[in-house]
Amino acid sequence: MAKAREATIFGETLRRLRTERGWTQEDVAHAANLTTTYVGQVERGDKVPSLTVVLKLARGLSVPPTELLAGFSAAVLRTLKM
């Protein structure tokens, strides 16, 4: 099954924010009260996180939720097939 483009975009943003901090997936999982496996799945674009998970990740990374959604410009949104 093909990965959803929005999942890939979100996962890339999460990975970038994590690596900018020098954090492991385990660090993010602990800070966001999620499992390391789930964080890895989100980063790979295998899972599309719910709003609750987006908020947990934002709180764990100490960023506004909009930072996790920064990859979704108006141009990108127009190209997504939802």
PDB file of N, CA and C in Angstrom:
ATOM      1  N   MET A   1       0.850  -1.187   0.000  1.00  0.00           N
ATOM      2  CA  MET A   1       0.000   0.000   0.000  1.00  0.00           C
ATOM      3  C   MET A   1       0.885   1.237   0.000  1.00  0.00           C
ATOM      4  N   ALA A   2       0.547   2.195  -0.836  1.00  0.00           N
ATOM      5  CA  ALA A   2       1.325   3.430  -0.934  1.00  0.00           C
ATOM      6  C   ALA A   2       1.105   4.296   0.301  1.00  0.00           C
ATOM      7  N   LYS A   3       2.167   4.982   0.677  1.00  0.00           N
ATOM      8  CA  LYS A   3       2.071   5.876   1.834  1.00  0.00           C
ATOM      9  C   LYS A   3       1.335   7.144   1.429  1.00  0.00           C
ATOM     10  N   ALA A   4       0.539   7.657   2.354  1.00  0.00           N
ATOM     11  CA  ALA A   4      -0.151   8.919   2.112  1.00  0.00           C
ATOM     12  C   ALA A   4       0.876  10.047   2.099  1.00  0.00           C
ATOM     13  N   ARG A   5       0.784  10.915   1.114  1.00  0.00           N
ATOM     14  CA  ARG A   5       1.751  11.998   1.003  1.00  0.00           C
ATOM     15  C   ARG A   5       1.764  12.871   2.256  1.00  0.00           C
ATOM     16  N   GLU A   6       0.601  13.104   2.842  1.00  0.00           N
ATOM     17  CA  GLU A   6       0.551  13.942   4.040  1.00  0.00           C
ATOM     18  C   GLU A   6       1.290  13.285   5.206  1.00  0.00           C
ATOM     19  N   ALA A   7       1.248  11.951   5.264  1.00  0.00           N
ATOM     20  CA  ALA A   7       1.983  11.236   6.312  1.00  0.00           C
ATOM     21  C   ALA A   7       3.479  11.403   6.111  1.00  0.00           C
ATOM     22  N   THR A   8       3.920  11.336   4.859  1.00  0.00           N
ATOM     23  CA  THR A   8       5.346  11.502   4.548  1.00  0.00           C
ATOM     24  C   THR A   8       5.817  12.907   4.899  1.00  0.00           C
ATOM     25  N   ILE A   9       5.040  13.914   4.532  1.00  0.00           N
ATOM     26  CA  ILE A   9       5.397  15.309   4.830  1.00  0.00           C
ATOM     27  C   ILE A   9       5.485  15.523   6.335  1.00  0.00           C
ATOM     28  N   PHE A  10       4.493  15.053   7.069  1.00  0.00           N
ATOM     29  CA  PHE A  10       4.496  15.218   8.520  1.00  0.00           C
ATOM     30  C   PHE A  10       5.690  14.502   9.140  1.00  0.00           C
ATOM     31  N   GLY A  11       5.945  13.279   8.698  1.00  0.00           N
ATOM     32  CA  GLY A  11       7.063  12.506   9.233  1.00  0.00           C
ATOM     33  C   GLY A  11       8.402  13.179   8.995  1.00  0.00           C
ATOM     34  N   GLU A  12       8.578  13.767   7.820  1.00  0.00           N
ATOM     35  CA  GLU A  12       9.827  14.482   7.527  1.00  0.00           C
ATOM     36  C   GLU A  12      10.000  15.685   8.446  1.00  0.00           C
ATOM     37  N   THR A  13       8.917  16.386   8.710  1.00  0.00           N
ATOM     38  CA  THR A  13       8.977  17.543   9.606  1.00  0.00           C
ATOM     39  C   THR A  13       9.318  17.106  11.024  1.00  0.00           C
ATOM     40  N   LEU A  14       8.675  16.040  11.482  1.00  0.00           N
ATOM     41  CA  LEU A  14       8.957  15.523  12.825  1.00  0.00           C
ATOM     42  C   LEU A  14      10.423  15.110  12.935  1.00  0.00           C
ATOM     43  N   ARG A  15      10.934  14.394  11.938  1.00  0.00           N
ATOM     44  CA  ARG A  15      12.333  13.953  11.960  1.00  0.00           C
ATOM     45  C   ARG A  15      13.282  15.157  11.991  1.00  0.00           C
ATOM     46  N   ARG A  16      12.974  16.177  11.191  1.00  0.00           N
ATOM     47  CA  ARG A  16      13.825  17.370  11.165  1.00  0.00           C
ATOM     48  C   ARG A  16      13.863  18.038  12.534  1.00  0.00           C
ATOM     49  N   LEU A  17      12.707  18.230  13.150  1.00  0.00           N
ATOM     50  CA  LEU A  17      12.651  18.871  14.464  1.00  0.00           C
ATOM     51  C   LEU A  17      13.396  18.036  15.514  1.00  0.00           C
ATOM     52  N   ARG A  18      13.250  16.730  15.419  1.00  0.00           N
ATOM     53  CA  ARG A  18      13.931  15.837  16.374  1.00  0.00           C
ATOM     54  C   ARG A  18      15.446  15.913  16.206  1.00  0.00           C
ATOM     55  N   THR A  19      15.909  15.811  14.984  1.00  0.00           N
ATOM     56  CA  THR A  19      17.358  15.791  14.765  1.00  0.00           C
ATOM     57  C   THR A  19      17.996  17.149  15.024  1.00  0.00           C
ATOM     58  N   GLU A  20      17.251  18.226  14.793  1.00  0.00           N
ATOM     59  CA  GLU A  20      17.770  19.567  15.130  1.00  0.00           C
ATOM     60  C   GLU A  20      18.095  19.665  16.612  1.00  0.00           C
ATOM     61  N   ARG A  21      17.370  18.919  17.418  1.00  0.00           N
ATOM     62  CA  ARG A  21      17.587  18.937  18.867  1.00  0.00           C
ATOM     63  C   ARG A  21      18.629  17.905  19.301  1.00  0.00           C
ATOM     64  N   GLY A  22      19.037  17.073  18.381  1.00  0.00           N
ATOM     65  CA  GLY A  22      19.961  16.004  18.743  1.00  0.00           C
ATOM     66  C   GLY A  22      19.281  14.894  19.526  1.00  0.00           C
ATOM     67  N   TRP A  23      17.970  14.761  19.360  1.00  0.00           N
ATOM     68  CA  TRP A  23      17.198  13.774  20.099  1.00  0.00           C
ATOM     69  C   TRP A  23      17.084  12.478  19.325  1.00  0.00           C
ATOM     70  N   THR A  24      16.890  11.399  20.057  1.00  0.00           N
ATOM     71  CA  THR A  24      16.565  10.111  19.466  1.00  0.00           C
ATOM     72  C   THR A  24      15.041   9.993  19.388  1.00  0.00           C
ATOM     73  N   GLN A  25      14.581   8.982  18.666  1.00  0.00           N
ATOM     74  CA  GLN A  25      13.134   8.723  18.653  1.00  0.00           C
ATOM     75  C   GLN A  25      12.655   8.380  20.058  1.00  0.00           C
ATOM     76  N   GLU A  26      13.502   7.730  20.819  1.00  0.00           N
ATOM     77  CA  GLU A  26      13.150   7.399  22.199  1.00  0.00           C
ATOM     78  C   GLU A  26      12.963   8.661  23.039  1.00  0.00           C
ATOM     79  N   ASP A  27      13.811   9.668  22.825  1.00  0.00           N
ATOM     80  CA  ASP A  27      13.675  10.940  23.546  1.00  0.00           C
ATOM     81  C   ASP A  27      12.332  11.591  23.240  1.00  0.00           C
ATOM     82  N   VAL A  28      11.972  11.605  21.963  1.00  0.00           N
ATOM     83  CA  VAL A  28      10.686  12.203  21.564  1.00  0.00           C
ATOM     84  C   VAL A  28       9.537  11.410  22.163  1.00  0.00           C
ATOM     85  N   ALA A  29       9.621  10.098  22.068  1.00  0.00           N
ATOM     86  CA  ALA A  29       8.551   9.254  22.594  1.00  0.00           C
ATOM     87  C   ALA A  29       8.341   9.500  24.087  1.00  0.00           C
ATOM     88  N   HIS A  30       9.433   9.563  24.824  1.00  0.00           N
ATOM     89  CA  HIS A  30       9.330   9.805  26.262  1.00  0.00           C
ATOM     90  C   HIS A  30       8.710  11.180  26.542  1.00  0.00           C
ATOM     91  N   ALA A  31       9.177  12.204  25.836  1.00  0.00           N
ATOM     92  CA  ALA A  31       8.675  13.565  26.065  1.00  0.00           C
ATOM     93  C   ALA A  31       7.204  13.708  25.687  1.00  0.00           C
ATOM     94  N   ALA A  32       6.768  12.931  24.696  1.00  0.00           N
ATOM     95  CA  ALA A  32       5.385  13.045  24.216  1.00  0.00           C
ATOM     96  C   ALA A  32       4.465  11.962  24.778  1.00  0.00           C
ATOM     97  N   ASN A  33       5.008  11.100  25.639  1.00  0.00           N
ATOM     98  CA  ASN A  33       4.229  10.003  26.221  1.00  0.00           C
ATOM     99  C   ASN A  33       3.656   9.090  25.130  1.00  0.00           C
ATOM    100  N   LEU A  34       4.531   8.719  24.185  1.00  0.00           N
ATOM    101  CA  LEU A  34       4.188   7.805  23.104  1.00  0.00           C
ATOM    102  C   LEU A  34       5.217   6.671  23.099  1.00  0.00           C
ATOM    103  N   THR A  35       4.999   5.656  22.283  1.00  0.00           N
ATOM    104  CA  THR A  35       5.993   4.603  22.180  1.00  0.00           C
ATOM    105  C   THR A  35       7.029   4.966  21.115  1.00  0.00           C
ATOM    106  N   THR A  36       8.223   4.439  21.286  1.00  0.00           N
ATOM    107  CA  THR A  36       9.283   4.661  20.300  1.00  0.00           C
ATOM    108  C   THR A  36       8.872   4.078  18.953  1.00  0.00           C
ATOM    109  N   THR A  37       8.228   2.932  18.975  1.00  0.00           N
ATOM    110  CA  THR A  37       7.762   2.302  17.738  1.00  0.00           C
ATOM    111  C   THR A  37       6.821   3.223  16.985  1.00  0.00           C
ATOM    112  N   TYR A  38       5.885   3.840  17.701  1.00  0.00           N
ATOM    113  CA  TYR A  38       4.917   4.727  17.060  1.00  0.00           C
ATOM    114  C   TYR A  38       5.609   5.956  16.480  1.00  0.00           C
ATOM    115  N   VAL A  39       6.534   6.549  17.208  1.00  0.00           N
ATOM    116  CA  VAL A  39       7.264   7.720  16.703  1.00  0.00           C
ATOM    117  C   VAL A  39       7.996   7.342  15.413  1.00  0.00           C
ATOM    118  N   GLY A  40       8.617   6.179  15.383  1.00  0.00           N
ATOM    119  CA  GLY A  40       9.297   5.717  14.171  1.00  0.00           C
ATOM    120  C   GLY A  40       8.335   5.539  13.007  1.00  0.00           C
ATOM    121  N   GLN A  41       7.160   4.996  13.286  1.00  0.00           N
ATOM    122  CA  GLN A  41       6.153   4.813  12.236  1.00  0.00           C
ATOM    123  C   GLN A  41       5.685   6.152  11.678  1.00  0.00           C
ATOM    124  N   VAL A  42       5.522   7.136  12.545  1.00  0.00           N
ATOM    125  CA  VAL A  42       5.108   8.461  12.101  1.00  0.00           C
ATOM    126  C   VAL A  42       6.215   9.089  11.258  1.00  0.00           C
ATOM    127  N   GLU A  43       7.444   8.996  11.717  1.00  0.00           N
ATOM    128  CA  GLU A  43       8.558   9.572  10.961  1.00  0.00           C
ATOM    129  C   GLU A  43       8.699   8.944   9.579  1.00  0.00           C
ATOM    130  N   ARG A  44       8.450   7.650   9.455  1.00  0.00           N
ATOM    131  CA  ARG A  44       8.561   6.964   8.160  1.00  0.00           C
ATOM    132  C   ARG A  44       7.351   7.215   7.267  1.00  0.00           C
ATOM    133  N   GLY A  45       6.301   7.819   7.828  1.00  0.00           N
ATOM    134  CA  GLY A  45       5.091   8.046   7.052  1.00  0.00           C
ATOM    135  C   GLY A  45       4.183   6.838   7.003  1.00  0.00           C
ATOM    136  N   ASP A  46       4.425   5.867   7.895  1.00  0.00           N
ATOM    137  CA  ASP A  46       3.587   4.673   7.955  1.00  0.00           C
ATOM    138  C   ASP A  46       2.286   4.926   8.707  1.00  0.00           C
ATOM    139  N   LYS A  47       2.282   5.918   9.565  1.00  0.00           N
ATOM    140  CA  LYS A  47       1.098   6.267  10.363  1.00  0.00           C
ATOM    141  C   LYS A  47       0.786   7.745  10.189  1.00  0.00           C
ATOM    142  N   VAL A  48      -0.490   8.062  10.110  1.00  0.00           N
ATOM    143  CA  VAL A  48      -0.949   9.450  10.096  1.00  0.00           C
ATOM    144  C   VAL A  48      -1.441   9.746  11.515  1.00  0.00           C
ATOM    145  N   PRO A  49      -0.780  10.666  12.213  1.00  0.00           N
ATOM    146  CA  PRO A  49      -1.144  10.907  13.608  1.00  0.00           C
ATOM    147  C   PRO A  49      -2.478  11.646  13.745  1.00  0.00           C
ATOM    148  N   SER A  50      -3.167  11.333  14.823  1.00  0.00           N
ATOM    149  CA  SER A  50      -4.400  12.053  15.152  1.00  0.00           C
ATOM    150  C   SER A  50      -4.046  13.438  15.691  1.00  0.00           C
ATOM    151  N   LEU A  51      -5.036  14.270  15.829  1.00  0.00           N
ATOM    152  CA  LEU A  51      -4.820  15.597  16.402  1.00  0.00           C
ATOM    153  C   LEU A  51      -4.246  15.476  17.815  1.00  0.00           C
ATOM    154  N   THR A  52      -4.731  14.525  18.584  1.00  0.00           N
ATOM    155  CA  THR A  52      -4.221  14.328  19.939  1.00  0.00           C
ATOM    156  C   THR A  52      -2.724  14.030  19.912  1.00  0.00           C
ATOM    157  N   VAL A  53      -2.287  13.197  18.980  1.00  0.00           N
ATOM    158  CA  VAL A  53      -0.865  12.854  18.877  1.00  0.00           C
ATOM    159  C   VAL A  53      -0.060  14.069  18.409  1.00  0.00           C
ATOM    160  N   VAL A  54      -0.592  14.827  17.471  1.00  0.00           N
ATOM    161  CA  VAL A  54       0.096  16.054  17.026  1.00  0.00           C
ATOM    162  C   VAL A  54       0.322  16.974  18.219  1.00  0.00           C
ATOM    163  N   LEU A  55      -0.690  17.121  19.053  1.00  0.00           N
ATOM    164  CA  LEU A  55      -0.568  17.986  20.230  1.00  0.00           C
ATOM    165  C   LEU A  55       0.426  17.418  21.243  1.00  0.00           C
ATOM    166  N   LYS A  56       0.434  16.103  21.429  1.00  0.00           N
ATOM    167  CA  LYS A  56       1.415  15.481  22.330  1.00  0.00           C
ATOM    168  C   LYS A  56       2.837  15.704  21.823  1.00  0.00           C
ATOM    169  N   LEU A  57       3.038  15.540  20.507  1.00  0.00           N
ATOM    170  CA  LEU A  57       4.362  15.747  19.927  1.00  0.00           C
ATOM    171  C   LEU A  57       4.795  17.203  20.066  1.00  0.00           C
ATOM    172  N   ALA A  58       3.874  18.119  19.813  1.00  0.00           N
ATOM    173  CA  ALA A  58       4.193  19.545  19.936  1.00  0.00           C
ATOM    174  C   ALA A  58       4.598  19.877  21.368  1.00  0.00           C
ATOM    175  N   ARG A  59       3.843  19.391  22.329  1.00  0.00           N
ATOM    176  CA  ARG A  59       4.168  19.641  23.733  1.00  0.00           C
ATOM    177  C   ARG A  59       5.512  19.011  24.086  1.00  0.00           C
ATOM    178  N   GLY A  60       5.731  17.784  23.629  1.00  0.00           N
ATOM    179  CA  GLY A  60       6.983  17.094  23.924  1.00  0.00           C
ATOM    180  C   GLY A  60       8.202  17.789  23.331  1.00  0.00           C
ATOM    181  N   LEU A  61       8.035  18.344  22.131  1.00  0.00           N
ATOM    182  CA  LEU A  61       9.134  19.046  21.461  1.00  0.00           C
ATOM    183  C   LEU A  61       9.208  20.529  21.839  1.00  0.00           C
ATOM    184  N   SER A  62       8.243  20.995  22.619  1.00  0.00           N
ATOM    185  CA  SER A  62       8.150  22.405  23.029  1.00  0.00           C
ATOM    186  C   SER A  62       8.070  23.338  21.825  1.00  0.00           C
ATOM    187  N   VAL A  63       7.189  22.980  20.889  1.00  0.00           N
ATOM    188  CA  VAL A  63       6.938  23.821  19.717  1.00  0.00           C
ATOM    189  C   VAL A  63       5.435  24.002  19.572  1.00  0.00           C
ATOM    190  N   PRO A  64       5.001  25.073  18.908  1.00  0.00           N
ATOM    191  CA  PRO A  64       3.574  25.181  18.631  1.00  0.00           C
ATOM    192  C   PRO A  64       3.169  24.106  17.604  1.00  0.00           C
ATOM    193  N   PRO A  65       1.949  23.609  17.674  1.00  0.00           N
ATOM    194  CA  PRO A  65       1.515  22.586  16.715  1.00  0.00           C
ATOM    195  C   PRO A  65       1.696  23.030  15.262  1.00  0.00           C
ATOM    196  N   THR A  66       1.594  24.311  15.018  1.00  0.00           N
ATOM    197  CA  THR A  66       1.762  24.811  13.648  1.00  0.00           C
ATOM    198  C   THR A  66       3.150  24.501  13.096  1.00  0.00           C
ATOM    199  N   GLU A  67       4.141  24.383  13.960  1.00  0.00           N
ATOM    200  CA  GLU A  67       5.490  24.056  13.496  1.00  0.00           C
ATOM    201  C   GLU A  67       5.537  22.643  12.922  1.00  0.00           C
ATOM    202  N   LEU A  68       4.772  21.742  13.493  1.00  0.00           N
ATOM    203  CA  LEU A  68       4.702  20.382  12.969  1.00  0.00           C
ATOM    204  C   LEU A  68       3.947  20.329  11.642  1.00  0.00           C
ATOM    205  N   LEU A  69       3.151  21.335  11.376  1.00  0.00           N
ATOM    206  CA  LEU A  69       2.354  21.382  10.143  1.00  0.00           C
ATOM    207  C   LEU A  69       2.944  22.337   9.110  1.00  0.00           C
ATOM    208  N   ALA A  70       4.161  22.806   9.353  1.00  0.00           N
ATOM    209  CA  ALA A  70       4.779  23.815   8.490  1.00  0.00           C
ATOM    210  C   ALA A  70       4.957  23.339   7.049  1.00  0.00           C
ATOM    211  N   GLY A  71       5.049  22.050   6.821  1.00  0.00           N
ATOM    212  CA  GLY A  71       5.234  21.526   5.471  1.00  0.00           C
ATOM    213  C   GLY A  71       3.992  21.567   4.609  1.00  0.00           C
ATOM    214  N   PHE A  72       2.884  21.984   5.186  1.00  0.00           N
ATOM    215  CA  PHE A  72       1.621  21.986   4.462  1.00  0.00           C
ATOM    216  C   PHE A  72       1.243  23.390   3.999  1.00  0.00           C
ATOM    217  N   SER A  73       2.020  23.896   3.052  1.00  0.00           N
ATOM    218  CA  SER A  73       1.715  25.205   2.468  1.00  0.00           C
ATOM    219  C   SER A  73       0.429  25.098   1.652  1.00  0.00           C
ATOM    220  N   ALA A  74      -0.114  26.234   1.275  1.00  0.00           N
ATOM    221  CA  ALA A  74      -1.332  26.237   0.461  1.00  0.00           C
ATOM    222  C   ALA A  74      -1.109  25.465  -0.838  1.00  0.00           C
ATOM    223  N   ALA A  75       0.067  25.618  -1.424  1.00  0.00           N
ATOM    224  CA  ALA A  75       0.364  24.912  -2.677  1.00  0.00           C
ATOM    225  C   ALA A  75       0.370  23.400  -2.466  1.00  0.00           C
ATOM    226  N   VAL A  76       0.952  22.948  -1.368  1.00  0.00           N
ATOM    227  CA  VAL A  76       0.984  21.516  -1.074  1.00  0.00           C
ATOM    228  C   VAL A  76      -0.429  21.013  -0.814  1.00  0.00           C
ATOM    229  N   LEU A  77      -1.202  21.764  -0.056  1.00  0.00           N
ATOM    230  CA  LEU A  77      -2.567  21.338   0.250  1.00  0.00           C
ATOM    231  C   LEU A  77      -3.412  21.157  -1.015  1.00  0.00           C
ATOM    232  N   ARG A  78      -3.189  22.006  -2.017  1.00  0.00           N
ATOM    233  CA  ARG A  78      -3.937  21.896  -3.272  1.00  0.00           C
ATOM    234  C   ARG A  78      -3.597  20.607  -4.008  1.00  0.00           C
ATOM    235  N   THR A  79      -2.413  20.065  -3.789  1.00  0.00           N
ATOM    236  CA  THR A  79      -1.997  18.868  -4.526  1.00  0.00           C
ATOM    237  C   THR A  79      -2.351  17.569  -3.813  1.00  0.00           C
ATOM    238  N   LEU A  80      -2.739  17.631  -2.550  1.00  0.00           N
ATOM    239  CA  LEU A  80      -3.063  16.418  -1.799  1.00  0.00           C
ATOM    240  C   LEU A  80      -4.389  15.844  -2.270  1.00  0.00           C
ATOM    241  N   LYS A  81      -4.408  14.548  -2.399  1.00  0.00           N
ATOM    242  CA  LYS A  81      -5.638  13.844  -2.779  1.00  0.00           C
ATOM    243  C   LYS A  81      -6.263  13.282  -1.506  1.00  0.00           C
ATOM    244  N   MET A  82      -7.288  13.959  -1.035  1.00  0.00           N
ATOM    245  CA  MET A  82      -7.939  13.524   0.214  1.00  0.00           C
ATOM    246  C   MET A  82      -9.393  13.217  -0.059  1.00  0.00           C
TER     247      MET A  82
END
